[in-house]
Amino acid sequence: MKDFFNKIFSRNDPEEIPSAPIDLENALRKSITVSGRVQGVGFRFFTQGEANKLRLTGWVKNLSNGDVTMEVQGAAEDIDELIARLKKGNGFSKVTDIEIKDLPVDREEKKFGIAY
């Protein structure tokens, strides 16, 4: 059953992803808020899986207004790739808008997770 959900939601357990240190000197951090049909469709799990594949750090969580927000940190090209994947969604979601803001880098962050 776990394989079924991992396949659908493209979720990978953090221990399955080899850790690779982020080059903090060249890293960027972005605040990203996604609007549309993004709650109740596995979007946070999808985001976590895609961020882990791209070796990004940060977190993702649902907002009370139906949006999903996240902070993502890593190489600029990896963040751009994550944004492209978020726009496509997981097959169950429908993204209508993405808002992106720059943030200062968090030098202590080591992984990407789901926040509640």
PDB file of N, CA and C in Angstrom:
ATOM      1  N   MET A   1       0.817  -1.187   0.000  1.00  0.00           N
ATOM      2  CA  MET A   1       0.000   0.000   0.000  1.00  0.00           C
ATOM      3  C   MET A   1       0.867   1.259   0.000  1.00  0.00           C
ATOM      4  N   LYS A   2       1.987   1.220   0.749  1.00  0.00           N
ATOM      5  CA  LYS A   2       2.891   2.372   0.795  1.00  0.00           C
ATOM      6  C   LYS A   2       3.403   2.704  -0.607  1.00  0.00           C
ATOM      7  N   ASP A   3       3.744   1.669  -1.384  1.00  0.00           N
ATOM      8  CA  ASP A   3       4.223   1.905  -2.751  1.00  0.00           C
ATOM      9  C   ASP A   3       3.151   2.577  -3.607  1.00  0.00           C
ATOM     10  N   PHE A   4       1.897   2.172  -3.403  1.00  0.00           N
ATOM     11  CA  PHE A   4       0.785   2.766  -4.139  1.00  0.00           C
ATOM     12  C   PHE A   4       0.702   4.263  -3.874  1.00  0.00           C
ATOM     13  N   PHE A   5       0.715   4.654  -2.584  1.00  0.00           N
ATOM     14  CA  PHE A   5       0.626   6.072  -2.250  1.00  0.00           C
ATOM     15  C   PHE A   5       1.866   6.836  -2.682  1.00  0.00           C
ATOM     16  N   ASN A   6       3.038   6.230  -2.550  1.00  0.00           N
ATOM     17  CA  ASN A   6       4.262   6.901  -3.013  1.00  0.00           C
ATOM     18  C   ASN A   6       4.196   7.167  -4.505  1.00  0.00           C
ATOM     19  N   LYS A   7       3.666   6.213  -5.255  1.00  0.00           N
ATOM     20  CA  LYS A   7       3.563   6.382  -6.702  1.00  0.00           C
ATOM     21  C   LYS A   7       2.572   7.493  -7.057  1.00  0.00           C
ATOM     22  N   ILE A   8       1.421   7.501  -6.392  1.00  0.00           N
ATOM     23  CA  ILE A   8       0.397   8.503  -6.676  1.00  0.00           C
ATOM     24  C   ILE A   8       0.851   9.899  -6.267  1.00  0.00           C
ATOM     25  N   PHE A   9       1.385  10.014  -5.062  1.00  0.00           N
ATOM     26  CA  PHE A   9       1.726  11.330  -4.538  1.00  0.00           C
ATOM     27  C   PHE A   9       3.180  11.689  -4.751  1.00  0.00           C
ATOM     28  N   SER A  10       3.942  10.801  -5.388  1.00  0.00           N
ATOM     29  CA  SER A  10       5.350  11.058  -5.678  1.00  0.00           C
ATOM     30  C   SER A  10       6.107  11.413  -4.410  1.00  0.00           C
ATOM     31  N   ARG A  11       5.765  10.730  -3.321  1.00  0.00           N
ATOM     32  CA  ARG A  11       6.382  11.008  -2.022  1.00  0.00           C
ATOM     33  C   ARG A  11       7.537  10.055  -1.801  1.00  0.00           C
ATOM     34  N   ASN A  12       8.615  10.577  -1.310  1.00  0.00           N
ATOM     35  CA  ASN A  12       9.768   9.771  -0.946  1.00  0.00           C
ATOM     36  C   ASN A  12      10.073  10.018   0.514  1.00  0.00           C
ATOM     37  N   ASP A  13      10.345   8.961   1.252  1.00  0.00           N
ATOM     38  CA  ASP A  13      10.738   9.124   2.641  1.00  0.00           C
ATOM     39  C   ASP A  13      12.103   9.772   2.680  1.00  0.00           C
ATOM     40  N   PRO A  14      12.321  10.722   3.622  1.00  0.00           N
ATOM     41  CA  PRO A  14      13.599  11.432   3.680  1.00  0.00           C
ATOM     42  C   PRO A  14      14.796  10.496   3.783  1.00  0.00           C
ATOM     43  N   GLU A  15      14.648   9.339   4.458  1.00  0.00           N
ATOM     44  CA  GLU A  15      15.788   8.437   4.586  1.00  0.00           C
ATOM     45  C   GLU A  15      16.136   7.746   3.269  1.00  0.00           C
ATOM     46  N   GLU A  16      15.218   7.776   2.299  1.00  0.00           N
ATOM     47  CA  GLU A  16      15.488   7.180   0.999  1.00  0.00           C
ATOM     48  C   GLU A  16      16.264   8.127   0.082  1.00  0.00           C
ATOM     49  N   ILE A  17      16.342   9.385   0.426  1.00  0.00           N
ATOM     50  CA  ILE A  17      17.018  10.377  -0.394  1.00  0.00           C
ATOM     51  C   ILE A  17      18.401  10.636   0.185  1.00  0.00           C
ATOM     52  N   PRO A  18      19.453  10.343  -0.564  1.00  0.00           N
ATOM     53  CA  PRO A  18      20.790  10.637  -0.037  1.00  0.00           C
ATOM     54  C   PRO A  18      20.930  12.132   0.220  1.00  0.00           C
ATOM     55  N   SER A  19      21.436  12.472   1.379  1.00  0.00           N
ATOM     56  CA  SER A  19      21.582  13.893   1.687  1.00  0.00           C
ATOM     57  C   SER A  19      22.778  14.474   0.943  1.00  0.00           C
ATOM     58  N   ALA A  20      22.602  15.661   0.463  1.00  0.00           N
ATOM     59  CA  ALA A  20      23.675  16.380  -0.211  1.00  0.00           C
ATOM     60  C   ALA A  20      23.683  17.789   0.355  1.00  0.00           C
ATOM     61  N   PRO A  21      24.805  18.217   0.868  1.00  0.00           N
ATOM     62  CA  PRO A  21      24.823  19.558   1.452  1.00  0.00           C
ATOM     63  C   PRO A  21      24.551  20.631   0.401  1.00  0.00           C
ATOM     64  N   ILE A  22      23.805  21.629   0.811  1.00  0.00           N
ATOM     65  CA  ILE A  22      23.512  22.765  -0.069  1.00  0.00           C
ATOM     66  C   ILE A  22      24.694  23.724  -0.019  1.00  0.00           C
ATOM     67  N   ASP A  23      25.057  24.255  -1.156  1.00  0.00           N
ATOM     68  CA  ASP A  23      26.103  25.280  -1.234  1.00  0.00           C
ATOM     69  C   ASP A  23      25.483  26.585  -0.737  1.00  0.00           C
ATOM     70  N   LEU A  24      25.676  26.869   0.549  1.00  0.00           N
ATOM     71  CA  LEU A  24      25.027  28.034   1.163  1.00  0.00           C
ATOM     72  C   LEU A  24      25.503  29.363   0.591  1.00  0.00           C
ATOM     73  N   GLU A  25      26.694  29.388   0.020  1.00  0.00           N
ATOM     74  CA  GLU A  25      27.197  30.631  -0.565  1.00  0.00           C
ATOM     75  C   GLU A  25      26.413  31.022  -1.815  1.00  0.00           C
ATOM     76  N   ASN A  26      25.872  30.026  -2.521  1.00  0.00           N
ATOM     77  CA  ASN A  26      25.125  30.288  -3.755  1.00  0.00           C
ATOM     78  C   ASN A  26      23.644  29.967  -3.627  1.00  0.00           C
ATOM     79  N   ALA A  27      23.199  29.599  -2.439  1.00  0.00           N
ATOM     80  CA  ALA A  27      21.806  29.205  -2.233  1.00  0.00           C
ATOM     81  C   ALA A  27      20.884  30.414  -2.200  1.00  0.00           C
ATOM     82  N   LEU A  28      19.638  30.149  -2.570  1.00  0.00           N
ATOM     83  CA  LEU A  28      18.554  31.125  -2.469  1.00  0.00           C
ATOM     84  C   LEU A  28      17.463  30.522  -1.599  1.00  0.00           C
ATOM     85  N   ARG A  29      16.634  31.362  -1.013  1.00  0.00           N
ATOM     86  CA  ARG A  29      15.468  30.900  -0.267  1.00  0.00           C
ATOM     87  C   ARG A  29      14.264  31.680  -0.767  1.00  0.00           C
ATOM     88  N   LYS A  30      13.187  30.965  -1.036  1.00  0.00           N
ATOM     89  CA  LYS A  30      11.974  31.584  -1.563  1.00  0.00           C
ATOM     90  C   LYS A  30      10.770  31.192  -0.710  1.00  0.00           C
ATOM     91  N   SER A  31       9.877  32.136  -0.535  1.00  0.00           N
ATOM     92  CA  SER A  31       8.555  31.877   0.014  1.00  0.00           C
ATOM     93  C   SER A  31       7.638  31.710  -1.189  1.00  0.00           C
ATOM     94  N   ILE A  32       6.906  30.606  -1.229  1.00  0.00           N
ATOM     95  CA  ILE A  32       6.027  30.311  -2.358  1.00  0.00           C
ATOM     96  C   ILE A  32       4.642  30.002  -1.811  1.00  0.00           C
ATOM     97  N   THR A  33       3.628  30.695  -2.322  1.00  0.00           N
ATOM     98  CA  THR A  33       2.244  30.416  -1.960  1.00  0.00           C
ATOM     99  C   THR A  33       1.504  29.990  -3.224  1.00  0.00           C
ATOM    100  N   VAL A  34       0.865  28.829  -3.152  1.00  0.00           N
ATOM    101  CA  VAL A  34       0.181  28.239  -4.298  1.00  0.00           C
ATOM    102  C   VAL A  34      -1.323  28.266  -4.041  1.00  0.00           C
ATOM    103  N   SER A  35      -2.065  28.761  -5.019  1.00  0.00           N
ATOM    104  CA  SER A  35      -3.528  28.839  -4.930  1.00  0.00           C
ATOM    105  C   SER A  35      -4.153  27.901  -5.945  1.00  0.00           C
ATOM    106  N   GLY A  36      -5.392  27.515  -5.672  1.00  0.00           N
ATOM    107  CA  GLY A  36      -6.139  26.636  -6.561  1.00  0.00           C
ATOM    108  C   GLY A  36      -6.677  25.453  -5.784  1.00  0.00           C
ATOM    109  N   ARG A  37      -6.860  24.336  -6.474  1.00  0.00           N
ATOM    110  CA  ARG A  37      -7.278  23.102  -5.793  1.00  0.00           C
ATOM    111  C   ARG A  37      -6.000  22.400  -5.342  1.00  0.00           C
ATOM    112  N   VAL A  38      -5.525  22.784  -4.163  1.00  0.00           N
ATOM    113  CA  VAL A  38      -4.237  22.282  -3.666  1.00  0.00           C
ATOM    114  C   VAL A  38      -4.334  21.699  -2.262  1.00  0.00           C
ATOM    115  N   GLN A  39      -5.523  21.633  -1.700  1.00  0.00           N
ATOM    116  CA  GLN A  39      -5.710  20.975  -0.404  1.00  0.00           C
ATOM    117  C   GLN A  39      -6.638  19.790  -0.585  1.00  0.00           C
ATOM    118  N   GLY A  40      -6.337  18.710   0.141  1.00  0.00           N
ATOM    119  CA  GLY A  40      -7.144  17.502   0.041  1.00  0.00           C
ATOM    120  C   GLY A  40      -6.836  16.658  -1.174  1.00  0.00           C
ATOM    121  N   VAL A  41      -5.735  16.964  -1.849  1.00  0.00           N
ATOM    122  CA  VAL A  41      -5.366  16.233  -3.072  1.00  0.00           C
ATOM    123  C   VAL A  41      -3.923  15.716  -3.032  1.00  0.00           C
ATOM    124  N   GLY A  42      -3.306  15.707  -1.853  1.00  0.00           N
ATOM    125  CA  GLY A  42      -1.936  15.213  -1.723  1.00  0.00           C
ATOM    126  C   GLY A  42      -0.863  16.181  -2.177  1.00  0.00           C
ATOM    127  N   PHE A  43      -1.201  17.465  -2.246  1.00  0.00           N
ATOM    128  CA  PHE A  43      -0.259  18.439  -2.790  1.00  0.00           C
ATOM    129  C   PHE A  43       0.956  18.637  -1.897  1.00  0.00           C
ATOM    130  N   ARG A  44       0.771  18.615  -0.578  1.00  0.00           N
ATOM    131  CA  ARG A  44       1.928  18.774   0.319  1.00  0.00           C
ATOM    132  C   ARG A  44       2.888  17.599   0.178  1.00  0.00           C
ATOM    133  N   PHE A  45       2.347  16.378   0.102  1.00  0.00           N
ATOM    134  CA  PHE A  45       3.191  15.199  -0.055  1.00  0.00           C
ATOM    135  C   PHE A  45       3.914  15.225  -1.398  1.00  0.00           C
ATOM    136  N   PHE A  46       3.197  15.654  -2.435  1.00  0.00           N
ATOM    137  CA  PHE A  46       3.797  15.811  -3.759  1.00  0.00           C
ATOM    138  C   PHE A  46       4.948  16.821  -3.707  1.00  0.00           C
ATOM    139  N   THR A  47       4.705  17.960  -3.056  1.00  0.00           N
ATOM    140  CA  THR A  47       5.730  18.996  -2.940  1.00  0.00           C
ATOM    141  C   THR A  47       6.943  18.484  -2.193  1.00  0.00           C
ATOM    142  N   GLN A  48       6.719  17.782  -1.091  1.00  0.00           N
ATOM    143  CA  GLN A  48       7.830  17.233  -0.319  1.00  0.00           C
ATOM    144  C   GLN A  48       8.649  16.261  -1.169  1.00  0.00           C
ATOM    145  N   GLY A  49       7.995  15.397  -1.893  1.00  0.00           N
ATOM    146  CA  GLY A  49       8.701  14.436  -2.739  1.00  0.00           C
ATOM    147  C   GLY A  49       9.522  15.112  -3.820  1.00  0.00           C
ATOM    148  N   GLU A  50       8.940  16.112  -4.473  1.00  0.00           N
ATOM    149  CA  GLU A  50       9.657  16.815  -5.537  1.00  0.00           C
ATOM    150  C   GLU A  50      10.823  17.621  -4.970  1.00  0.00           C
ATOM    151  N   ALA A  51      10.627  18.259  -3.837  1.00  0.00           N
ATOM    152  CA  ALA A  51      11.707  19.025  -3.199  1.00  0.00           C
ATOM    153  C   ALA A  51      12.851  18.097  -2.797  1.00  0.00           C
ATOM    154  N   ASN A  52      12.511  16.922  -2.268  1.00  0.00           N
ATOM    155  CA  ASN A  52      13.555  15.963  -1.900  1.00  0.00           C
ATOM    156  C   ASN A  52      14.317  15.466  -3.126  1.00  0.00           C
ATOM    157  N   LYS A  53      13.615  15.209  -4.222  1.00  0.00           N
ATOM    158  CA  LYS A  53      14.282  14.776  -5.462  1.00  0.00           C
ATOM    159  C   LYS A  53      15.277  15.831  -5.938  1.00  0.00           C
ATOM    160  N   LEU A  54      14.931  17.096  -5.732  1.00  0.00           N
ATOM    161  CA  LEU A  54      15.793  18.201  -6.166  1.00  0.00           C
ATOM    162  C   LEU A  54      16.794  18.622  -5.090  1.00  0.00           C
ATOM    163  N   ARG A  55      16.785  17.913  -3.977  1.00  0.00           N
ATOM    164  CA  ARG A  55      17.695  18.157  -2.852  1.00  0.00           C
ATOM    165  C   ARG A  55      17.554  19.582  -2.284  1.00  0.00           C
ATOM    166  N   LEU A  56      16.312  20.012  -2.182  1.00  0.00           N
ATOM    167  CA  LEU A  56      16.012  21.310  -1.585  1.00  0.00           C
ATOM    168  C   LEU A  56      15.674  21.127  -0.114  1.00  0.00           C
ATOM    169  N   THR A  57      15.836  22.173   0.664  1.00  0.00           N
ATOM    170  CA  THR A  57      15.404  22.146   2.051  1.00  0.00           C
ATOM    171  C   THR A  57      14.243  23.113   2.222  1.00  0.00           C
ATOM    172  N   GLY A  58      13.556  23.005   3.354  1.00  0.00           N
ATOM    173  CA  GLY A  58      12.453  23.902   3.638  1.00  0.00           C
ATOM    174  C   GLY A  58      11.281  23.174   4.240  1.00  0.00           C
ATOM    175  N   TRP A  59      10.099  23.716   4.012  1.00  0.00           N
ATOM    176  CA  TRP A  59       8.868  23.137   4.550  1.00  0.00           C
ATOM    177  C   TRP A  59       7.678  23.565   3.703  1.00  0.00           C
ATOM    178  N   VAL A  60       6.567  22.844   3.866  1.00  0.00           N
ATOM    179  CA  VAL A  60       5.312  23.137   3.175  1.00  0.00           C
ATOM    180  C   VAL A  60       4.172  22.926   4.154  1.00  0.00           C
ATOM    181  N   LYS A  61       3.135  23.778   4.070  1.00  0.00           N
ATOM    182  CA  LYS A  61       1.967  23.593   4.933  1.00  0.00           C
ATOM    183  C   LYS A  61       0.724  24.199   4.295  1.00  0.00           C
ATOM    184  N   ASN A  62      -0.438  23.714   4.758  1.00  0.00           N
ATOM    185  CA  ASN A  62      -1.724  24.247   4.324  1.00  0.00           C
ATOM    186  C   ASN A  62      -2.018  25.546   5.067  1.00  0.00           C
ATOM    187  N   LEU A  63      -2.707  26.452   4.397  1.00  0.00           N
ATOM    188  CA  LEU A  63      -3.215  27.668   5.020  1.00  0.00           C
ATOM    189  C   LEU A  63      -4.727  27.540   5.204  1.00  0.00           C
ATOM    190  N   SER A  64      -5.274  28.286   6.133  1.00  0.00           N
ATOM    191  CA  SER A  64      -6.709  28.194   6.426  1.00  0.00           C
ATOM    192  C   SER A  64      -7.587  28.699   5.274  1.00  0.00           C
ATOM    193  N   ASN A  65      -7.013  29.468   4.355  1.00  0.00           N
ATOM    194  CA  ASN A  65      -7.794  29.994   3.225  1.00  0.00           C
ATOM    195  C   ASN A  65      -7.830  29.055   2.018  1.00  0.00           C
ATOM    196  N   GLY A  66      -7.227  27.864   2.142  1.00  0.00           N
ATOM    197  CA  GLY A  66      -7.235  26.895   1.046  1.00  0.00           C
ATOM    198  C   GLY A  66      -5.968  26.873   0.227  1.00  0.00           C
ATOM    199  N   ASP A  67      -5.080  27.832   0.448  1.00  0.00           N
ATOM    200  CA  ASP A  67      -3.795  27.859  -0.258  1.00  0.00           C
ATOM    201  C   ASP A  67      -2.794  26.944   0.440  1.00  0.00           C
ATOM    202  N   VAL A  68      -1.685  26.707  -0.219  1.00  0.00           N
ATOM    203  CA  VAL A  68      -0.549  25.994   0.353  1.00  0.00           C
ATOM    204  C   VAL A  68       0.642  26.932   0.298  1.00  0.00           C
ATOM    205  N   THR A  69       1.366  27.041   1.417  1.00  0.00           N
ATOM    206  CA  THR A  69       2.547  27.898   1.453  1.00  0.00           C
ATOM    207  C   THR A  69       3.771  27.064   1.773  1.00  0.00           C
ATOM    208  N   MET A  70       4.918  27.565   1.363  1.00  0.00           N
ATOM    209  CA  MET A  70       6.162  26.853   1.618  1.00  0.00           C
ATOM    210  C   MET A  70       7.330  27.822   1.611  1.00  0.00           C
ATOM    211  N   GLU A  71       8.405  27.397   2.236  1.00  0.00           N
ATOM    212  CA  GLU A  71       9.694  28.055   2.104  1.00  0.00           C
ATOM    213  C   GLU A  71      10.640  27.010   1.551  1.00  0.00           C
ATOM    214  N   VAL A  72      11.365  27.381   0.507  1.00  0.00           N
ATOM    215  CA  VAL A  72      12.225  26.451  -0.218  1.00  0.00           C
ATOM    216  C   VAL A  72      13.598  27.069  -0.355  1.00  0.00           C
ATOM    217  N   GLN A  73      14.617  26.227  -0.153  1.00  0.00           N
ATOM    218  CA  GLN A  73      15.991  26.724  -0.193  1.00  0.00           C
ATOM    219  C   GLN A  73      16.874  25.777  -0.994  1.00  0.00           C
ATOM    220  N   GLY A  74      17.758  26.365  -1.807  1.00  0.00           N
ATOM    221  CA  GLY A  74      18.697  25.576  -2.593  1.00  0.00           C
ATOM    222  C   GLY A  74      19.209  26.376  -3.769  1.00  0.00           C
ATOM    223  N   ALA A  75      19.719  25.666  -4.760  1.00  0.00           N
ATOM    224  CA  ALA A  75      20.242  26.303  -5.969  1.00  0.00           C
ATOM    225  C   ALA A  75      19.095  26.917  -6.774  1.00  0.00           C
ATOM    226  N   ALA A  76      19.357  28.046  -7.404  1.00  0.00           N
ATOM    227  CA  ALA A  76      18.330  28.765  -8.172  1.00  0.00           C
ATOM    228  C   ALA A  76      17.677  27.874  -9.219  1.00  0.00           C
ATOM    229  N   GLU A  77      18.469  27.101  -9.956  1.00  0.00           N
ATOM    230  CA  GLU A  77      17.901  26.256 -11.020  1.00  0.00           C
ATOM    231  C   GLU A  77      17.024  25.145 -10.448  1.00  0.00           C
ATOM    232  N   ASP A  78      17.343  24.654  -9.239  1.00  0.00           N
ATOM    233  CA  ASP A  78      16.521  23.625  -8.607  1.00  0.00           C
ATOM    234  C   ASP A  78      15.203  24.210  -8.107  1.00  0.00           C
ATOM    235  N   ILE A  79      15.248  25.417  -7.576  1.00  0.00           N
ATOM    236  CA  ILE A  79      14.015  26.083  -7.151  1.00  0.00           C
ATOM    237  C   ILE A  79      13.131  26.372  -8.357  1.00  0.00           C
ATOM    238  N   ASP A  80      13.733  26.831  -9.457  1.00  0.00           N
ATOM    239  CA  ASP A  80      12.963  27.072 -10.684  1.00  0.00           C
ATOM    240  C   ASP A  80      12.303  25.790 -11.181  1.00  0.00           C
ATOM    241  N   GLU A  81      13.033  24.672 -11.091  1.00  0.00           N
ATOM    242  CA  GLU A  81      12.481  23.386 -11.517  1.00  0.00           C
ATOM    243  C   GLU A  81      11.323  22.970 -10.610  1.00  0.00           C
ATOM    244  N   LEU A  82      11.465  23.192  -9.304  1.00  0.00           N
ATOM    245  CA  LEU A  82      10.366  22.874  -8.388  1.00  0.00           C
ATOM    246  C   LEU A  82       9.134  23.703  -8.742  1.00  0.00           C
ATOM    247  N   ILE A  83       9.310  24.968  -8.997  1.00  0.00           N
ATOM    248  CA  ILE A  83       8.175  25.835  -9.356  1.00  0.00           C
ATOM    249  C   ILE A  83       7.489  25.323 -10.620  1.00  0.00           C
ATOM    250  N   ALA A  84       8.258  24.899 -11.603  1.00  0.00           N
ATOM    251  CA  ALA A  84       7.678  24.341 -12.833  1.00  0.00           C
ATOM    252  C   ALA A  84       6.864  23.078 -12.520  1.00  0.00           C
ATOM    253  N   ARG A  85       7.384  22.236 -11.630  1.00  0.00           N
ATOM    254  CA  ARG A  85       6.659  21.020 -11.248  1.00  0.00           C
ATOM    255  C   ARG A  85       5.409  21.341 -10.442  1.00  0.00           C
ATOM    256  N   LEU A  86       5.488  22.362  -9.596  1.00  0.00           N
ATOM    257  CA  LEU A  86       4.312  22.762  -8.819  1.00  0.00           C
ATOM    258  C   LEU A  86       3.201  23.253  -9.745  1.00  0.00           C
ATOM    259  N   LYS A  87       3.564  23.999 -10.785  1.00  0.00           N
ATOM    260  CA  LYS A  87       2.566  24.510 -11.727  1.00  0.00           C
ATOM    261  C   LYS A  87       1.820  23.363 -12.412  1.00  0.00           C
ATOM    262  N   LYS A  88       2.531  22.276 -12.724  1.00  0.00           N
ATOM    263  CA  LYS A  88       1.903  21.103 -13.339  1.00  0.00           C
ATOM    264  C   LYS A  88       1.062  20.335 -12.329  1.00  0.00           C
ATOM    265  N   GLY A  89       1.505  20.305 -11.068  1.00  0.00           N
ATOM    266  CA  GLY A  89       0.776  19.607 -10.018  1.00  0.00           C
ATOM    267  C   GLY A  89       0.970  18.109 -10.063  1.00  0.00           C
ATOM    268  N   ASN A  90       0.144  17.412  -9.305  1.00  0.00           N
ATOM    269  CA  ASN A  90       0.286  15.967  -9.154  1.00  0.00           C
ATOM    270  C   ASN A  90      -0.789  15.166  -9.878  1.00  0.00           C
ATOM    271  N   GLY A  91      -1.566  15.790 -10.700  1.00  0.00           N
ATOM    272  CA  GLY A  91      -2.628  15.092 -11.412  1.00  0.00           C
ATOM    273  C   GLY A  91      -3.979  15.237 -10.734  1.00  0.00           C
ATOM    274  N   PHE A  92      -3.990  15.510  -9.440  1.00  0.00           N
ATOM    275  CA  PHE A  92      -5.224  15.718  -8.690  1.00  0.00           C
ATOM    276  C   PHE A  92      -5.436  17.195  -8.386  1.00  0.00           C
ATOM    277  N   SER A  93      -4.361  17.953  -8.413  1.00  0.00           N
ATOM    278  CA  SER A  93      -4.419  19.378  -8.074  1.00  0.00           C
ATOM    279  C   SER A  93      -4.652  20.215  -9.323  1.00  0.00           C
ATOM    280  N   LYS A  94      -5.042  21.466  -9.092  1.00  0.00           N
ATOM    281  CA  LYS A  94      -5.163  22.439 -10.188  1.00  0.00           C
ATOM    282  C   LYS A  94      -4.656  23.771  -9.653  1.00  0.00           C
ATOM    283  N   VAL A  95      -3.473  24.142 -10.075  1.00  0.00           N
ATOM    284  CA  VAL A  95      -2.839  25.377  -9.611  1.00  0.00           C
ATOM    285  C   VAL A  95      -3.339  26.532 -10.464  1.00  0.00           C
ATOM    286  N   THR A  96      -3.830  27.581  -9.789  1.00  0.00           N
ATOM    287  CA  THR A  96      -4.322  28.754 -10.510  1.00  0.00           C
ATOM    288  C   THR A  96      -3.409  29.964 -10.352  1.00  0.00           C
ATOM    289  N   ASP A  97      -2.582  29.978  -9.281  1.00  0.00           N
ATOM    290  CA  ASP A  97      -1.698  31.118  -9.060  1.00  0.00           C
ATOM    291  C   ASP A  97      -0.546  30.698  -8.156  1.00  0.00           C
ATOM    292  N   ILE A  98       0.619  31.293  -8.394  1.00  0.00           N
ATOM    293  CA  ILE A  98       1.785  31.088  -7.540  1.00  0.00           C
ATOM    294  C   ILE A  98       2.392  32.447  -7.238  1.00  0.00           C
ATOM    295  N   GLU A  99       2.568  32.727  -5.952  1.00  0.00           N
ATOM    296  CA  GLU A  99       3.206  33.972  -5.506  1.00  0.00           C
ATOM    297  C   GLU A  99       4.569  33.612  -4.920  1.00  0.00           C
ATOM    298  N   ILE A 100       5.612  34.326  -5.348  1.00  0.00           N
ATOM    299  CA  ILE A 100       6.981  34.013  -4.940  1.00  0.00           C
ATOM    300  C   ILE A 100       7.645  35.266  -4.371  1.00  0.00           C
ATOM    301  N   LYS A 101       8.294  35.093  -3.218  1.00  0.00           N
ATOM    302  CA  LYS A 101       9.030  36.191  -2.590  1.00  0.00           C
ATOM    303  C   LYS A 101      10.407  35.684  -2.164  1.00  0.00           C
ATOM    304  N   ASP A 102      11.386  36.576  -2.195  1.00  0.00           N
ATOM    305  CA  ASP A 102      12.732  36.250  -1.727  1.00  0.00           C
ATOM    306  C   ASP A 102      12.801  36.322  -0.209  1.00  0.00           C
ATOM    307  N   LEU A 103      13.601  35.425   0.373  1.00  0.00           N
ATOM    308  CA  LEU A 103      13.835  35.391   1.814  1.00  0.00           C
ATOM    309  C   LEU A 103      15.329  35.233   2.079  1.00  0.00           C
ATOM    310  N   PRO A 104      15.778  35.560   3.283  1.00  0.00           N
ATOM    311  CA  PRO A 104      17.178  35.281   3.623  1.00  0.00           C
ATOM    312  C   PRO A 104      17.387  33.770   3.808  1.00  0.00           C
ATOM    313  N   VAL A 105      18.568  33.300   3.485  1.00  0.00           N
ATOM    314  CA  VAL A 105      18.924  31.882   3.599  1.00  0.00           C
ATOM    315  C   VAL A 105      18.969  31.476   5.072  1.00  0.00           C
ATOM    316  N   ASP A 106      18.450  30.285   5.366  1.00  0.00           N
ATOM    317  CA  ASP A 106      18.507  29.699   6.708  1.00  0.00           C
ATOM    318  C   ASP A 106      19.693  28.728   6.723  1.00  0.00           C
ATOM    319  N   ARG A 107      20.769  29.107   7.359  1.00  0.00           N
ATOM    320  CA  ARG A 107      21.996  28.326   7.338  1.00  0.00           C
ATOM    321  C   ARG A 107      21.915  27.046   8.165  1.00  0.00           C
ATOM    322  N   GLU A 108      20.901  26.911   9.004  1.00  0.00           N
ATOM    323  CA  GLU A 108      20.786  25.743   9.885  1.00  0.00           C
ATOM    324  C   GLU A 108      19.876  24.646   9.325  1.00  0.00           C
ATOM    325  N   GLU A 109      19.112  24.955   8.321  1.00  0.00           N
ATOM    326  CA  GLU A 109      18.133  24.000   7.801  1.00  0.00           C
ATOM    327  C   GLU A 109      18.811  22.849   7.067  1.00  0.00           C
ATOM    328  N   LYS A 110      18.335  21.624   7.296  1.00  0.00           N
ATOM    329  CA  LYS A 110      18.986  20.439   6.734  1.00  0.00           C
ATOM    330  C   LYS A 110      18.094  19.573   5.851  1.00  0.00           C
ATOM    331  N   LYS A 111      16.752  19.734   5.911  1.00  0.00           N
ATOM    332  CA  LYS A 111      15.865  18.862   5.150  1.00  0.00           C
ATOM    333  C   LYS A 111      14.587  19.598   4.764  1.00  0.00           C
ATOM    334  N   PHE A 112      13.740  18.907   3.997  1.00  0.00           N
ATOM    335  CA  PHE A 112      12.456  19.461   3.604  1.00  0.00           C
ATOM    336  C   PHE A 112      11.367  18.619   4.259  1.00  0.00           C
ATOM    337  N   GLY A 113      10.409  19.294   4.898  1.00  0.00           N
ATOM    338  CA  GLY A 113       9.362  18.561   5.587  1.00  0.00           C
ATOM    339  C   GLY A 113       8.000  19.226   5.470  1.00  0.00           C
ATOM    340  N   ILE A 114       7.020  18.527   5.992  1.00  0.00           N
ATOM    341  CA  ILE A 114       5.651  19.044   6.026  1.00  0.00           C
ATOM    342  C   ILE A 114       5.430  19.645   7.402  1.00  0.00           C
ATOM    343  N   ALA A 115       4.977  20.894   7.432  1.00  0.00           N
ATOM    344  CA  ALA A 115       4.678  21.585   8.691  1.00  0.00           C
ATOM    345  C   ALA A 115       3.173  21.585   8.897  1.00  0.00           C
ATOM    346  N   TYR A 116       2.765  21.624  10.142  1.00  0.00           N
ATOM    347  CA  TYR A 116       1.331  21.624  10.476  1.00  0.00           C
ATOM    348  C   TYR A 116       0.986  22.818  11.310  1.00  0.00           C
TER     349      TYR A 116
END
